[in-house]
Structures are given as structure tokens and as C-alpha cells.
C-alpha atoms as a PDB file:
ATOM      1  CA  MET A   1       0.000   0.000   0.000  1.00  0.00           C
ATOM      2  CA  ASP A   2       1.355   3.436  -0.845  1.00  0.00           C
ATOM      3  CA  GLU A   3       2.065   6.069   1.827  1.00  0.00           C
ATOM      4  CA  LYS A   4      -0.824   8.338   0.779  1.00  0.00           C
ATOM      5  CA  LYS A   5      -3.320   5.489   1.070  1.00  0.00           C
ATOM      6  CA  ILE A   6      -1.935   4.534   4.490  1.00  0.00           C
ATOM      7  CA  GLU A   7      -2.148   8.157   5.648  1.00  0.00           C
ATOM      8  CA  ASP A   8      -5.767   8.425   4.436  1.00  0.00           C
ATOM      9  CA  LEU A   9      -6.695   5.195   6.259  1.00  0.00           C
ATOM     10  CA  ILE A  10      -4.978   6.382   9.447  1.00  0.00           C
ATOM     11  CA  ASN A  11      -6.908   9.652   9.315  1.00  0.00           C
ATOM     12  CA  ARG A  12     -10.197   7.824   8.750  1.00  0.00           C
ATOM     13  CA  TYR A  13      -9.424   5.463  11.637  1.00  0.00           C
ATOM     14  CA  LEU A  14      -8.506   8.287  14.023  1.00  0.00           C
ATOM     15  CA  SER A  15     -11.568  10.291  13.087  1.00  0.00           C
ATOM     16  CA  VAL A  16     -14.075   7.466  13.429  1.00  0.00           C
ATOM     17  CA  SER A  17     -12.378   6.057  16.535  1.00  0.00           C
ATOM     18  CA  PHE A  18     -12.638   9.400  18.320  1.00  0.00           C
ATOM     19  CA  SER A  19     -16.236   9.935  17.230  1.00  0.00           C
ATOM     20  CA  VAL A  20     -17.424   6.422  18.137  1.00  0.00           C
ATOM     21  CA  THR A  21     -15.628   6.488  21.492  1.00  0.00           C
ATOM     22  CA  LYS A  22     -16.990   9.889  22.490  1.00  0.00           C
ATOM     23  CA  ARG A  23     -20.533   9.233  21.286  1.00  0.00           C
ATOM     24  CA  GLY A  24     -20.530   5.734  22.733  1.00  0.00           C
ATOM     25  CA  GLU A  25     -19.346   6.972  26.123  1.00  0.00           C
ATOM     26  CA  SER A  26     -21.993   9.695  26.075  1.00  0.00           C
ATOM     27  CA  LEU A  27     -24.766   7.194  25.315  1.00  0.00           C
ATOM     28  CA  MET A  28     -23.394   4.832  27.974  1.00  0.00           C
ATOM     29  CA  LYS A  29     -23.367   7.669  30.491  1.00  0.00           C
ATOM     30  CA  ASP A  30     -27.013   8.368  29.680  1.00  0.00           C
ATOM     31  CA  SER A  31     -27.772   4.676  30.298  1.00  0.00           C
ATOM     32  CA  ILE A  32     -25.937   4.439  33.632  1.00  0.00           C
ATOM     33  CA  GLY A  33     -26.974   7.846  34.970  1.00  0.00           C
ATOM     34  CA  ASP A  34     -25.048  10.190  37.220  1.00  0.00           C
ATOM     35  CA  TYR A  35     -24.708   7.907  40.240  1.00  0.00           C
ATOM     36  CA  ILE A  36     -21.493   6.272  39.014  1.00  0.00           C
ATOM     37  CA  THR A  37     -18.856   7.054  36.413  1.00  0.00           C
ATOM     38  CA  TYR A  38     -18.075   5.131  33.256  1.00  0.00           C
ATOM     39  CA  ASP A  39     -14.934   3.634  34.887  1.00  0.00           C
ATOM     40  CA  GLN A  40     -16.873   2.684  38.008  1.00  0.00           C
ATOM     41  CA  CYS A  41     -19.455   0.950  35.817  1.00  0.00           C
ATOM     42  CA  TYR A  42     -16.782  -1.146  34.099  1.00  0.00           C
ATOM     43  CA  THR A  43     -15.286  -1.965  37.495  1.00  0.00           C
ATOM     44  CA  LEU A  44     -18.654  -3.194  38.765  1.00  0.00           C
ATOM     45  CA  ARG A  45     -19.083  -5.222  35.590  1.00  0.00           C
ATOM     46  CA  TYR A  46     -15.685  -6.872  35.983  1.00  0.00           C
ATOM     47  CA  ILE A  47     -16.310  -7.748  39.626  1.00  0.00           C
ATOM     48  CA  TYR A  48     -19.811  -9.029  38.838  1.00  0.00           C
ATOM     49  CA  LEU A  49     -18.576 -11.268  36.020  1.00  0.00           C
ATOM     50  CA  ASN A  50     -15.637 -12.580  38.076  1.00  0.00           C
ATOM     51  CA  GLN A  51     -17.453 -12.609  41.435  1.00  0.00           C
ATOM     52  CA  THR A  52     -14.310 -11.585  43.302  1.00  0.00           C
ATOM     53  CA  CYS A  53     -11.000  -9.922  42.528  1.00  0.00           C
ATOM     54  CA  THR A  54      -8.270  -7.746  44.030  1.00  0.00           C
ATOM     55  CA  SER A  55      -7.381  -4.136  43.295  1.00  0.00           C
ATOM     56  CA  THR A  56      -4.071  -5.312  41.827  1.00  0.00           C
ATOM     57  CA  GLU A  57      -5.970  -7.519  39.382  1.00  0.00           C
ATOM     58  CA  LEU A  58      -8.199  -4.592  38.393  1.00  0.00           C
ATOM     59  CA  ALA A  59      -5.182  -2.352  37.830  1.00  0.00           C
ATOM     60  CA  GLU A  60      -3.653  -4.971  35.553  1.00  0.00           C
ATOM     61  CA  VAL A  61      -6.865  -5.667  33.624  1.00  0.00           C
ATOM     62  CA  PHE A  62      -7.652  -1.970  33.076  1.00  0.00           C
ATOM     63  CA  ASP A  63      -3.977  -1.090  32.519  1.00  0.00           C
ATOM     64  CA  VAL A  64      -3.955   1.744  35.057  1.00  0.00           C
ATOM     65  CA  LYS A  65      -1.995   2.548  38.189  1.00  0.00           C
ATOM     66  CA  LYS A  66      -3.156   1.020  41.432  1.00  0.00           C
ATOM     67  CA  SER A  67      -3.861   4.510  42.821  1.00  0.00           C
ATOM     68  CA  ALA A  68      -6.495   5.046  40.111  1.00  0.00           C
ATOM     69  CA  ILE A  69      -8.177   1.765  41.041  1.00  0.00           C
ATOM     70  CA  THR A  70      -8.020   2.654  44.732  1.00  0.00           C
ATOM     71  CA  ALA A  71      -9.936   5.880  44.049  1.00  0.00           C
ATOM     72  CA  ILE A  72     -12.617   3.975  42.125  1.00  0.00           C
ATOM     73  CA  ILE A  73     -12.839   1.277  44.814  1.00  0.00           C
ATOM     74  CA  ASN A  74     -13.140   3.889  47.571  1.00  0.00           C
ATOM     75  CA  ARG A  75     -16.039   5.602  45.796  1.00  0.00           C
ATOM     76  CA  LEU A  76     -17.840   2.332  45.098  1.00  0.00           C
ATOM     77  CA  THR A  77     -17.330   1.290  48.727  1.00  0.00           C
ATOM     78  CA  GLU A  78     -18.714   4.638  49.954  1.00  0.00           C
ATOM     79  CA  LYS A  79     -21.787   4.012  47.793  1.00  0.00           C
ATOM     80  CA  GLU A  80     -22.064   0.545  49.357  1.00  0.00           C
ATOM     81  CA  LEU A  81     -21.860  -1.146  45.953  1.00  0.00           C
ATOM     82  CA  ILE A  82     -18.764  -3.213  46.771  1.00  0.00           C
ATOM     83  CA  LYS A  83     -17.178  -4.555  49.911  1.00  0.00           C
ATOM     84  CA  ARG A  84     -13.635  -5.401  50.885  1.00  0.00           C
ATOM     85  CA  THR A  85     -12.825  -8.687  52.588  1.00  0.00           C
ATOM     86  CA  ARG A  86      -9.372  -9.550  53.943  1.00  0.00           C
ATOM     87  CA  ASP A  87      -7.897 -12.937  53.154  1.00  0.00           C
ATOM     88  CA  GLU A  88      -7.858 -15.008  56.336  1.00  0.00           C
ATOM     89  CA  ASN A  89      -4.429 -16.459  55.555  1.00  0.00           C
ATOM     90  CA  ASP A  90      -2.772 -13.286  54.260  1.00  0.00           C
ATOM     91  CA  ARG A  91      -4.151 -10.073  55.765  1.00  0.00           C
ATOM     92  CA  ARG A  92      -2.380  -8.027  53.072  1.00  0.00           C
ATOM     93  CA  VAL A  93      -4.708  -9.447  50.404  1.00  0.00           C
ATOM     94  CA  ILE A  94      -8.104  -7.773  50.101  1.00  0.00           C
ATOM     95  CA  TYR A  95     -10.840  -9.279  47.963  1.00  0.00           C
ATOM     96  CA  LEU A  96     -13.469  -7.133  46.311  1.00  0.00           C
ATOM     97  CA  THR A  97     -17.037  -8.349  45.827  1.00  0.00           C
ATOM     98  CA  LEU A  98     -20.350  -6.721  45.057  1.00  0.00           C
ATOM     99  CA  THR A  99     -22.776  -6.100  47.889  1.00  0.00           C
ATOM    100  CA  ASP A 100     -26.447  -6.993  47.457  1.00  0.00           C
ATOM    101  CA  LYS A 101     -27.020  -3.323  46.640  1.00  0.00           C
ATOM    102  CA  GLY A 102     -24.164  -3.522  44.121  1.00  0.00           C
ATOM    103  CA  ILE A 103     -25.613  -6.615  42.454  1.00  0.00           C
ATOM    104  CA  ASP A 104     -29.029  -4.980  42.213  1.00  0.00           C
ATOM    105  CA  PHE A 105     -27.561  -1.744  40.849  1.00  0.00           C
ATOM    106  CA  TYR A 106     -25.359  -3.605  38.373  1.00  0.00           C
ATOM    107  CA  THR A 107     -28.166  -5.788  36.999  1.00  0.00           C
ATOM    108  CA  LYS A 108     -30.440  -2.760  36.453  1.00  0.00           C
ATOM    109  CA  THR A 109     -27.637  -0.779  34.828  1.00  0.00           C
ATOM    110  CA  GLU A 110     -26.549  -3.727  32.682  1.00  0.00           C
ATOM    111  CA  LYS A 111     -30.119  -4.104  31.413  1.00  0.00           C
ATOM    112  CA  ASN A 112     -30.082  -0.439  30.327  1.00  0.00           C
ATOM    113  CA  ILE A 113     -26.730  -0.921  28.588  1.00  0.00           C
ATOM    114  CA  GLN A 114     -27.913  -4.129  26.883  1.00  0.00           C
ATOM    115  CA  ASN A 115     -30.995  -2.275  25.583  1.00  0.00           C
ATOM    116  CA  LEU A 116     -28.816   0.588  24.324  1.00  0.00           C
ATOM    117  CA  VAL A 117     -26.415  -1.700  22.475  1.00  0.00           C
ATOM    118  CA  LYS A 118     -29.299  -3.764  21.112  1.00  0.00           C
ATOM    119  CA  SER A 119     -30.892  -0.602  19.699  1.00  0.00           C
ATOM    120  CA  PHE A 120     -27.958   0.022  17.374  1.00  0.00           C
ATOM    121  CA  ILE A 121     -26.454  -3.437  16.914  1.00  0.00           C
ATOM    122  CA  THR A 122     -29.683  -4.572  15.258  1.00  0.00           C
ATOM    123  CA  SER A 123     -29.001  -2.030  12.491  1.00  0.00           C
ATOM    124  CA  PHE A 124     -26.438  -4.509  11.156  1.00  0.00           C
ATOM    125  CA  ASP A 125     -27.077  -7.936   9.753  1.00  0.00           C
ATOM    126  CA  GLU A 126     -25.572 -10.819  11.722  1.00  0.00           C
ATOM    127  CA  LYS A 127     -22.693 -11.362   9.320  1.00  0.00           C
ATOM    128  CA  GLU A 128     -21.667  -7.687   9.521  1.00  0.00           C
ATOM    129  CA  ILE A 129     -21.735  -7.516  13.300  1.00  0.00           C
ATOM    130  CA  VAL A 130     -19.871 -10.821  13.748  1.00  0.00           C
ATOM    131  CA  SER A 131     -17.225  -9.645  11.288  1.00  0.00           C
ATOM    132  CA  PHE A 132     -16.972  -6.290  13.067  1.00  0.00           C
ATOM    133  CA  ILE A 133     -16.636  -7.866  16.512  1.00  0.00           C
ATOM    134  CA  GLU A 134     -14.006 -10.330  15.282  1.00  0.00           C
ATOM    135  CA  THR A 135     -12.043  -7.463  13.717  1.00  0.00           C
ATOM    136  CA  TYR A 136     -12.402  -5.405  16.899  1.00  0.00           C
ATOM    137  CA  GLU A 137     -11.215  -8.369  18.972  1.00  0.00           C
ATOM    138  CA  LYS A 138      -8.226  -8.719  16.656  1.00  0.00           C
ATOM    139  CA  LEU A 139      -7.428  -5.023  17.115  1.00  0.00           C
ATOM    140  CA  ASN A 140      -7.717  -5.490  20.874  1.00  0.00           C
ATOM    141  CA  THR A 141      -5.242  -8.388  20.749  1.00  0.00           C
ATOM    142  CA  ILE A 142      -2.819  -6.386  18.618  1.00  0.00           C
ATOM    143  CA  LEU A 143      -3.021  -3.421  20.990  1.00  0.00           C
ATOM    144  CA  TYR A 144      -2.665  -5.657  24.034  1.00  0.00           C
ATOM    145  CA  ASN A 145       0.476  -7.215  22.594  1.00  0.00           C
ATOM    146  CA  PHE A 146       1.905  -3.935  21.395  1.00  0.00           C
ATOM    147  CA  LYS A 147       4.901  -3.229  23.612  1.00  0.00           C
ATOM    148  CA  GLU A 148       6.429  -0.023  22.384  1.00  0.00           C
ATOM    149  CA  ILE A 149       5.353   2.796  20.121  1.00  0.00           C
ATOM    150  CA  LYS A 150       8.178   4.029  17.940  1.00  0.00           C
ATOM    151  CA  VAL A 151       7.699   7.636  16.994  1.00  0.00           C
ATOM    152  CA  GLU A 152       9.819   9.083  14.253  1.00  0.00           C
ATOM    153  CA  GLU A 153      11.576  12.287  15.192  1.00  0.00           C
END
């Protein structure tokens, strides 16, 4: 592929990526309301799907510093959506689980998100959406495995 074509594709990618991300986050925010943030919602989702985890695990999964996860965990704990439980054998290890209130909140929020995604995903035929998701998963794998960005000076 020639350089001009690559540059045009990069510009299209950057433009649509920004637009989809911003619009998607805005629609998600409308679905989850003002009670929690987008990051807090994903944290609840991860804990719900895994039933229990540690803050270190969350930091690794979300690729952020532990201090960022601690802030999210503190806010979710204050809202009584998650609880911390110390490991009986190693008091340094703290497990995070959803409270009953957290489970109830998550399931209601997840239903709203499912309805939102369903409202636009049904605009595609099955073959298109499967192809898109497979391509998106491939991009995710590439980005996950990407170790170093080399910027030309």
C-alpha cells in the first residue's frame, strides 16, 4: 500500500475512533446515569462477572496505576456497591465483591446498557456484526500485545 493510502486510512481510523468512542461513552453515560462514572461501571461489571477480585488484578486488567483503582474502589465502597474482605491467611490481600445493593444496581444498569447496544447493533445484519466484533477483537489483541510505540523524530 502506498504512503498516501496509508495516511488516508490512518486519518479515517482516528476520526471514526474518536467519534465512536466519544458518542458511545456519552450514550453509555445516559444509560448508567449520574450515580457512578463510566470507569466505576466497568469496574462493577468486571467484579460481577468474576465474582471476586483484588485491586491489583483490576489495575492490571484496566492497565492503570493502582492509585487510580483505589480511588474507584473507595467511591464504590462509599456508595455501598462493593465490599472489601481480607484474606484469612494473608491479611495483606483484600478481595473485592459486590454487595447486594451492588448486584441490584449492576443488573439494572446492565439491562439499560444491553438495551442501548441492542438498539444500534440490530441495524447490522448478523454477518456484519460478527465480522466487526471479530475485527475489533483482533485489534484489541494487537493493541494488548503492542509493547512499544516508535515515533519518528
